[in-house]
Amino acid sequence: MALVPSTTTEDPNRQIQLTDPDSLEDGASKMSFLEHLEELRRRLINSALSLVAGVFIAFFFLNRIVDFVLLPLRELLPEGSSFQTIEGPEYIILYLKIGLLAGLFVALPLILWQVWLFIAPGLYAHEKRFAIPFVAMTSVFFFIGAAFAHYLAFPYSWDFFVKFQPEYVQFMPRLGPTFSLYVKILLAFALIFQMPTVVLFLARMGMVTPGFLVKHTKYAVLIIFILAAFLTPADVVSQFMMAGPMILLYGLSIGIAWVFGRRKPS
């Protein structure tokens, strides 16, 4: 019996398209768990260096920054009253804390850029276009929230505490706890003012829609008042000073989701 060898012919011009360009780019961005840890370590180090640089810059203007923070609060105290310190290093520690806080504000855009660089490998190519809008919007709304807290929310809350004291009680608050309360309210407002930014990116990714936000408005309002009660001191003024802007921001977020949300294919 004759054996006839089998032969195959291949077309040298034949090419197989395995992946599209977006898949290649996204596939190249996949990292192992250890690579993620290394990337996280790198971003944390860069963020820490950015914060150190920000603090270094802030210390050149620290005396003015301290006056900017404390003098308006001093003017709200009753006549004859002043802030108190009961420990030797208390004011020095407060001085350094204000410098650290100011340095955070200076370094914030760089820190946010490191956050974006960390999450970017897990995004699709078309989603990576939001790098600059993410950093810009987050920074701007952070500063707006902090400014709202400094000029409106905290002074009104502080004035409420001052006027609540009876005549036979001399209100002479400690400087350290006063500043801690200031920082708590400042950062709380800076964070809640991120709502439009968060909704924008969720809407662009198709995770929320304006219809969804409108439908769940009553639940959102309830959650807003719960957060306001949790994030502010135990006074009605502070809670309404936070809940009011949050409700307005929620309405703004609905408009942002309607304008920038992903459209369904027709």
Protein backbone atom coordinates (compact mmCIF):
# COMPACT_ATOMS: atom_id res chain seq x y z
CA MET A 1 0.00 0.00 0.00
CA ALA A 2 1.48 3.33 -1.08
CA LEU A 3 1.59 6.09 1.43
CA VAL A 4 0.80 9.47 -0.01
CA PRO A 5 2.27 12.22 2.14
CA SER A 6 -0.19 14.91 3.11
CA THR A 7 0.71 18.43 2.16
CA THR A 8 -0.69 21.73 3.26
CA THR A 9 -0.41 25.00 1.57
CA GLU A 10 -0.39 28.33 3.30
CA ASP A 11 -1.12 31.66 1.77
CA PRO A 12 1.91 33.79 2.65
CA ASN A 13 -0.24 36.90 2.35
CA ARG A 14 -2.78 35.66 4.89
CA GLN A 15 -2.81 37.69 8.16
CA ILE A 16 -5.03 37.23 11.16
CA GLN A 17 -6.19 40.30 13.07
CA LEU A 18 -5.99 39.27 16.71
CA THR A 19 -6.85 42.43 18.51
CA ASP A 20 -7.87 45.95 17.78
CA PRO A 21 -5.64 48.89 18.73
CA ASP A 22 -7.67 49.70 21.85
CA SER A 23 -7.38 46.11 23.05
CA LEU A 24 -3.64 46.16 22.48
CA GLU A 25 -3.28 49.30 24.49
CA ASP A 26 -5.50 48.04 27.29
CA GLY A 27 -3.88 44.62 27.31
CA ALA A 28 -0.46 46.19 27.62
CA SER A 29 -1.73 48.05 30.66
CA LYS A 30 -2.64 44.90 32.61
CA MET A 31 -0.38 44.35 35.60
CA SER A 32 0.12 41.58 38.10
CA PHE A 33 -0.68 42.01 41.80
CA LEU A 34 2.96 42.67 42.67
CA GLU A 35 3.21 45.20 39.85
CA HIS A 36 0.14 46.97 41.26
CA LEU A 37 1.80 47.11 44.68
CA GLU A 38 4.96 48.51 43.15
CA GLU A 39 2.93 51.10 41.24
CA LEU A 40 1.06 52.03 44.43
CA ARG A 41 4.36 52.42 46.28
CA ARG A 42 5.70 54.68 43.54
CA ARG A 43 2.59 56.89 43.53
CA LEU A 44 2.57 57.15 47.33
CA ILE A 45 6.21 58.22 47.34
CA ASN A 46 5.59 60.81 44.63
CA SER A 47 2.54 62.09 46.52
CA ALA A 48 4.56 62.37 49.73
CA LEU A 49 7.31 64.27 47.89
CA SER A 50 4.66 66.59 46.42
CA LEU A 51 3.28 67.23 49.90
CA VAL A 52 6.77 67.97 51.24
CA ALA A 53 7.32 70.45 48.41
CA GLY A 54 3.93 72.04 49.11
CA VAL A 55 4.71 72.40 52.82
CA PHE A 56 8.11 73.90 51.97
CA ILE A 57 6.43 76.54 49.79
CA ALA A 58 3.69 77.20 52.36
CA PHE A 59 6.21 77.86 55.14
CA PHE A 60 7.45 80.94 53.30
CA PHE A 61 4.01 82.49 53.90
CA LEU A 62 3.08 80.69 57.10
CA ASN A 63 2.69 83.75 59.33
CA ARG A 64 0.19 85.25 56.92
CA ILE A 65 -1.64 81.94 56.60
CA VAL A 66 -1.93 81.59 60.39
CA ASP A 67 -3.37 85.10 60.64
CA PHE A 68 -5.72 84.33 57.75
CA VAL A 69 -7.09 81.32 59.64
CA LEU A 70 -7.18 82.55 63.24
CA LEU A 71 -7.84 86.30 63.19
CA PRO A 72 -11.39 86.07 61.76
CA LEU A 73 -12.24 83.58 64.51
CA ARG A 74 -10.74 85.83 67.15
CA GLU A 75 -12.96 88.69 66.00
CA LEU A 76 -16.06 86.55 66.65
CA LEU A 77 -15.19 86.05 70.33
CA PRO A 78 -16.88 88.20 72.98
CA GLU A 79 -15.11 91.37 74.07
CA GLY A 80 -12.37 90.62 76.55
CA SER A 81 -12.11 86.99 75.52
CA SER A 82 -9.27 85.29 73.66
CA PHE A 83 -8.00 81.85 72.71
CA GLN A 84 -6.23 79.84 75.37
CA THR A 85 -3.26 77.49 75.34
CA ILE A 86 -2.55 75.36 78.41
CA GLU A 87 0.58 73.54 77.23
CA GLY A 88 3.93 74.99 76.20
CA PRO A 89 4.25 73.40 72.73
CA GLU A 90 0.52 73.72 71.90
CA TYR A 91 0.85 76.81 69.70
CA ILE A 92 4.00 75.50 68.01
CA ILE A 93 2.20 72.25 67.15
CA LEU A 94 -0.76 74.24 65.85
CA TYR A 95 1.63 76.38 63.80
CA LEU A 96 3.07 73.27 62.17
CA LYS A 97 -0.39 71.79 61.55
CA ILE A 98 -1.48 74.92 59.71
CA GLY A 99 1.66 74.67 57.58
CA LEU A 100 0.86 71.04 56.79
CA LEU A 101 -2.71 71.92 55.84
CA ALA A 102 -1.53 74.78 53.63
CA GLY A 103 1.02 72.48 52.01
CA LEU A 104 -1.74 70.00 51.20
CA PHE A 105 -3.64 72.71 49.34
CA VAL A 106 -0.52 73.70 47.41
CA ALA A 107 0.33 70.11 46.47
CA LEU A 108 -3.23 68.96 45.79
CA PRO A 109 -3.11 69.07 41.95
CA LEU A 110 0.12 67.04 41.93
CA ILE A 111 -1.30 64.50 44.39
CA LEU A 112 -4.45 64.13 42.30
CA TRP A 113 -2.29 63.60 39.22
CA GLN A 114 -0.56 60.71 41.02
CA VAL A 115 -3.99 59.26 41.87
CA TRP A 116 -4.93 59.42 38.21
CA LEU A 117 -1.69 57.78 37.11
CA PHE A 118 -2.41 54.92 39.50
CA ILE A 119 -5.94 54.22 38.24
CA ALA A 120 -5.21 54.96 34.56
CA PRO A 121 -3.82 51.48 33.67
CA GLY A 122 -7.21 49.98 34.51
CA LEU A 123 -9.09 52.29 32.15
CA TYR A 124 -9.89 51.96 28.47
CA ALA A 125 -8.09 54.15 25.99
CA HIS A 126 -11.05 56.49 25.48
CA GLU A 127 -11.45 56.89 29.27
CA LYS A 128 -7.87 58.06 29.72
CA ARG A 129 -8.78 61.32 27.98
CA PHE A 130 -10.35 62.50 31.24
CA ALA A 131 -7.01 62.95 33.03
CA ILE A 132 -6.87 66.74 32.83
CA PRO A 133 -10.63 67.25 33.48
CA PHE A 134 -10.36 64.95 36.52
CA VAL A 135 -7.45 66.85 38.06
CA ALA A 136 -8.88 70.27 37.19
CA MET A 137 -12.45 69.64 38.38
CA THR A 138 -11.39 67.88 41.57
CA SER A 139 -8.97 70.67 42.47
CA VAL A 140 -11.40 73.49 41.66
CA PHE A 141 -14.32 72.00 43.60
CA PHE A 142 -11.99 71.16 46.50
CA PHE A 143 -10.93 74.80 46.74
CA ILE A 144 -14.52 76.05 46.34
CA GLY A 145 -15.70 73.76 49.15
CA ALA A 146 -12.85 74.85 51.41
CA ALA A 147 -13.55 78.53 50.67
CA PHE A 148 -17.25 78.04 51.44
CA ALA A 149 -16.32 76.47 54.78
CA HIS A 150 -13.81 79.20 55.65
CA TYR A 151 -15.90 82.23 54.75
CA LEU A 152 -19.44 81.01 55.53
CA ALA A 153 -19.96 77.64 57.19
CA PHE A 154 -17.41 77.77 59.99
CA PRO A 155 -17.90 81.45 60.94
CA TYR A 156 -21.67 80.96 61.21
CA SER A 157 -21.22 77.78 63.23
CA TRP A 158 -18.60 79.42 65.46
CA ASP A 159 -20.81 82.48 65.99
CA PHE A 160 -23.61 80.14 67.09
CA PHE A 161 -21.37 78.59 69.74
CA VAL A 162 -20.24 82.01 70.97
CA LYS A 163 -23.75 83.43 71.28
CA PHE A 164 -25.11 80.27 72.90
CA GLN A 165 -23.02 80.94 76.02
CA PRO A 166 -24.95 82.56 78.91
CA GLU A 167 -23.78 85.88 80.38
CA TYR A 168 -22.35 84.28 83.51
CA VAL A 169 -20.04 82.02 81.45
CA GLN A 170 -16.87 83.53 80.01
CA PHE A 171 -16.18 81.85 76.68
CA MET A 172 -12.41 81.39 76.31
CA PRO A 173 -11.90 78.40 73.98
CA ARG A 174 -8.70 76.43 73.65
CA LEU A 175 -6.81 77.04 70.44
CA GLY A 176 -6.08 73.39 69.60
CA PRO A 177 -9.66 72.04 69.68
CA THR A 178 -10.87 75.13 67.83
CA PHE A 179 -8.47 74.48 64.98
CA SER A 180 -9.36 70.77 64.94
CA LEU A 181 -13.03 71.71 64.50
CA TYR A 182 -12.05 74.16 61.74
CA VAL A 183 -10.10 71.49 59.85
CA LYS A 184 -12.92 68.96 60.22
CA ILE A 185 -15.48 71.33 58.71
CA LEU A 186 -13.04 72.56 56.03
CA LEU A 187 -12.19 69.07 54.77
CA ALA A 188 -15.80 67.90 55.03
CA PHE A 189 -16.98 70.69 52.72
CA ALA A 190 -14.02 70.19 50.39
CA LEU A 191 -15.01 66.53 50.01
CA ILE A 192 -18.76 66.97 49.59
CA PHE A 193 -18.13 69.55 46.89
CA GLN A 194 -16.67 66.68 44.83
CA MET A 195 -20.18 65.44 44.09
CA PRO A 196 -20.40 67.01 40.59
CA THR A 197 -17.01 65.57 39.65
CA VAL A 198 -17.95 62.08 40.81
CA VAL A 199 -21.30 62.20 39.00
CA LEU A 200 -19.64 63.47 35.81
CA PHE A 201 -17.33 60.48 35.54
CA LEU A 202 -19.98 57.99 36.60
CA ALA A 203 -22.30 59.42 33.94
CA ARG A 204 -19.59 59.25 31.28
CA MET A 205 -19.04 55.58 32.12
CA GLY A 206 -22.78 54.90 31.93
CA MET A 207 -23.09 53.99 35.62
CA VAL A 208 -25.64 56.72 36.46
CA THR A 209 -28.23 58.58 34.44
CA PRO A 210 -30.15 61.81 35.10
CA GLY A 211 -33.34 59.76 35.30
CA PHE A 212 -31.82 57.58 38.01
CA LEU A 213 -30.75 60.64 40.03
CA VAL A 214 -34.15 62.31 39.71
CA LYS A 215 -35.98 59.11 40.67
CA HIS A 216 -33.92 58.71 43.85
CA THR A 217 -33.92 62.36 44.91
CA LYS A 218 -35.87 61.74 48.12
CA TYR A 219 -33.39 59.09 49.22
CA ALA A 220 -30.50 61.36 48.32
CA VAL A 221 -31.93 64.17 50.47
CA LEU A 222 -32.26 61.78 53.40
CA ILE A 223 -28.67 60.60 52.99
CA ILE A 224 -27.51 64.22 52.69
CA PHE A 225 -29.03 65.18 56.04
CA ILE A 226 -27.58 62.06 57.67
CA LEU A 227 -24.12 62.92 56.33
CA ALA A 228 -24.51 66.55 57.42
CA ALA A 229 -25.37 65.43 60.95
CA PHE A 230 -22.37 63.08 60.98
CA LEU A 231 -19.80 65.46 59.48
CA THR A 232 -20.68 68.64 61.38
CA PRO A 233 -20.74 69.60 65.07
CA ALA A 234 -23.90 68.98 67.04
CA ASP A 235 -25.68 72.19 66.07
CA VAL A 236 -28.50 72.84 63.64
CA VAL A 237 -26.73 75.77 61.96
CA SER A 238 -23.78 73.67 60.80
CA GLN A 239 -26.02 70.86 59.61
CA PHE A 240 -28.16 73.13 57.46
CA MET A 241 -25.07 75.00 56.22
CA MET A 242 -23.81 71.67 54.88
CA ALA A 243 -27.09 70.08 53.80
CA GLY A 244 -28.19 73.13 51.79
CA PRO A 245 -25.15 73.22 49.46
CA MET A 246 -25.23 69.43 49.13
CA ILE A 247 -28.81 69.54 47.87
CA LEU A 248 -27.85 72.28 45.39
CA LEU A 249 -24.84 70.23 44.30
CA TYR A 250 -27.11 67.23 43.79
CA GLY A 251 -29.31 69.32 41.49
CA LEU A 252 -26.19 70.50 39.65
CA SER A 253 -25.08 66.88 39.34
CA ILE A 254 -28.37 65.96 37.68
CA GLY A 255 -27.76 68.67 35.08
CA ILE A 256 -24.17 67.47 34.57
CA ALA A 257 -25.36 63.88 34.08
CA TRP A 258 -27.92 65.07 31.52
CA VAL A 259 -25.37 67.12 29.55
CA PHE A 260 -22.35 64.84 29.71
CA GLY A 261 -23.89 61.41 30.26
CA ARG A 262 -23.37 58.60 27.78
CA ARG A 263 -26.06 58.57 25.12
CA LYS A 264 -27.83 55.36 24.17
CA PRO A 265 -27.22 54.37 20.55
CA SER A 266 -30.24 55.21 18.38
